[in-house]
C-alpha atoms as a PDB file:
ATOM      1  CA  UNK A   1      97.422 102.091  95.017  1.00  0.00           C
ATOM      2  CA  UNK A   2      95.583 100.292  97.415  1.00  0.00           C
ATOM      3  CA  UNK A   3      92.130 100.816  95.646  1.00  0.00           C
ATOM      4  CA  UNK A   4      94.040  98.621  92.626  1.00  0.00           C
ATOM      5  CA  UNK A   5      95.433  95.677  95.063  1.00  0.00           C
ATOM      6  CA  UNK A   6      91.486  95.096  96.233  1.00  0.00           C
ATOM      7  CA  UNK A   7      90.261  94.677  92.472  1.00  0.00           C
ATOM      8  CA  UNK A   8      93.336  92.430  91.836  1.00  0.00           C
ATOM      9  CA  UNK A   9      92.179  90.395  95.303  1.00  0.00           C
ATOM     10  CA  UNK A  10      89.000  89.634  93.706  1.00  0.00           C
ATOM     11  CA  UNK A  11      90.710  87.970  90.621  1.00  0.00           C
ATOM     12  CA  UNK A  12      91.618  84.469  90.036  1.00  0.00           C
ATOM     13  CA  UNK A  13      94.269  84.605  87.592  1.00  0.00           C
ATOM     14  CA  UNK A  14      96.331  87.383  87.514  1.00  0.00           C
ATOM     15  CA  UNK A  15      98.403  89.234  84.694  1.00  0.00           C
ATOM     16  CA  UNK A  16     102.210  89.670  84.973  1.00  0.00           C
ATOM     17  CA  UNK A  17     100.716  93.401  85.683  1.00  0.00           C
ATOM     18  CA  UNK A  18      98.402  92.359  88.632  1.00  0.00           C
ATOM     19  CA  UNK A  19     100.740  90.307  90.105  1.00  0.00           C
ATOM     20  CA  UNK A  20     103.766  92.687  90.063  1.00  0.00           C
ATOM     21  CA  UNK A  21     101.265  94.866  91.766  1.00  0.00           C
ATOM     22  CA  UNK A  22     100.151  92.274  94.404  1.00  0.00           C
ATOM     23  CA  UNK A  23     103.433  91.404  95.079  1.00  0.00           C
ATOM     24  CA  UNK A  24     105.067  95.200  95.145  1.00  0.00           C
ATOM     25  CA  UNK A  25     107.663  94.381  92.376  1.00  0.00           C
ATOM     26  CA  UNK A  26     108.626  94.753  88.928  1.00  0.00           C
ATOM     27  CA  UNK A  27     106.521  93.369  85.951  1.00  0.00           C
ATOM     28  CA  UNK A  28     110.274  93.233  83.853  1.00  0.00           C
ATOM     29  CA  UNK A  29     111.400  91.640  87.056  1.00  0.00           C
ATOM     30  CA  UNK A  30     108.723  88.986  86.556  1.00  0.00           C
ATOM     31  CA  UNK A  31     109.103  88.820  82.939  1.00  0.00           C
ATOM     32  CA  UNK A  32     112.967  88.274  82.753  1.00  0.00           C
ATOM     33  CA  UNK A  33     112.092  85.229  85.064  1.00  0.00           C
ATOM     34  CA  UNK A  34     109.431  83.468  83.706  1.00  0.00           C
ATOM     35  CA  UNK A  35     111.451  82.609  80.476  1.00  0.00           C
ATOM     36  CA  UNK A  36     111.860  79.473  79.712  1.00  0.00           C
ATOM     37  CA  UNK A  37     115.438  79.521  79.783  1.00  0.00           C
ATOM     38  CA  UNK A  38     115.753  82.107  82.696  1.00  0.00           C
ATOM     39  CA  UNK A  39     118.686  81.053  84.675  1.00  0.00           C
ATOM     40  CA  UNK A  40     116.830  82.187  88.374  1.00  0.00           C
ATOM     41  CA  UNK A  41     113.071  81.246  87.520  1.00  0.00           C
ATOM     42  CA  UNK A  42     110.092  83.022  89.511  1.00  0.00           C
ATOM     43  CA  UNK A  43     109.132  80.625  92.342  1.00  0.00           C
ATOM     44  CA  UNK A  44     105.680  81.227  91.150  1.00  0.00           C
ATOM     45  CA  UNK A  45     104.362  78.449  88.481  1.00  0.00           C
ATOM     46  CA  UNK A  46     103.208  80.006  85.631  1.00  0.00           C
ATOM     47  CA  UNK A  47      99.807  79.204  83.537  1.00  0.00           C
ATOM     48  CA  UNK A  48     100.293  80.217  80.339  1.00  0.00           C
ATOM     49  CA  UNK A  49      97.063  80.586  78.229  1.00  0.00           C
ATOM     50  CA  UNK A  50      98.762  80.510  74.709  1.00  0.00           C
ATOM     51  CA  UNK A  51     100.644  83.301  74.687  1.00  0.00           C
ATOM     52  CA  UNK A  52      99.693  84.871  77.590  1.00  0.00           C
ATOM     53  CA  UNK A  53     101.408  84.485  80.980  1.00  0.00           C
ATOM     54  CA  UNK A  54      98.919  84.174  84.497  1.00  0.00           C
ATOM     55  CA  UNK A  55      99.597  83.458  88.113  1.00  0.00           C
ATOM     56  CA  UNK A  56      96.964  81.777  90.123  1.00  0.00           C
ATOM     57  CA  UNK A  57      96.236  84.033  93.123  1.00  0.00           C
ATOM     58  CA  UNK A  58      96.722  80.734  95.237  1.00  0.00           C
ATOM     59  CA  UNK A  59      99.884  79.788  94.221  1.00  0.00           C
ATOM     60  CA  UNK A  60     101.391  83.624  94.724  1.00  0.00           C
ATOM     61  CA  UNK A  61      99.728  83.381  98.175  1.00  0.00           C
ATOM     62  CA  UNK A  62     101.599  80.108  99.262  1.00  0.00           C
ATOM     63  CA  UNK A  63     104.533  81.602  98.316  1.00  0.00           C
ATOM     64  CA  UNK A  64     104.118  84.688 100.333  1.00  0.00           C
ATOM     65  CA  UNK A  65     103.077  82.349 103.408  1.00  0.00           C
ATOM     66  CA  UNK A  66     106.165  80.169 102.742  1.00  0.00           C
ATOM     67  CA  UNK A  67     108.596  83.044 103.340  1.00  0.00           C
END
């Protein structure tokens, strides 16, 4: 798992699955909270590229720092 995390860190935009590994949560949790009508929105702003959902690694790190 550490190897996967190191490969992810070198990227700027992360997929939902990569962000989930980085944060240590389930991808399903992220999908549930990134829906446009979600009652409890995900705390990190998403970048939508067409139908793809991406997360900026800098936004994720800023969120972690704010905890």
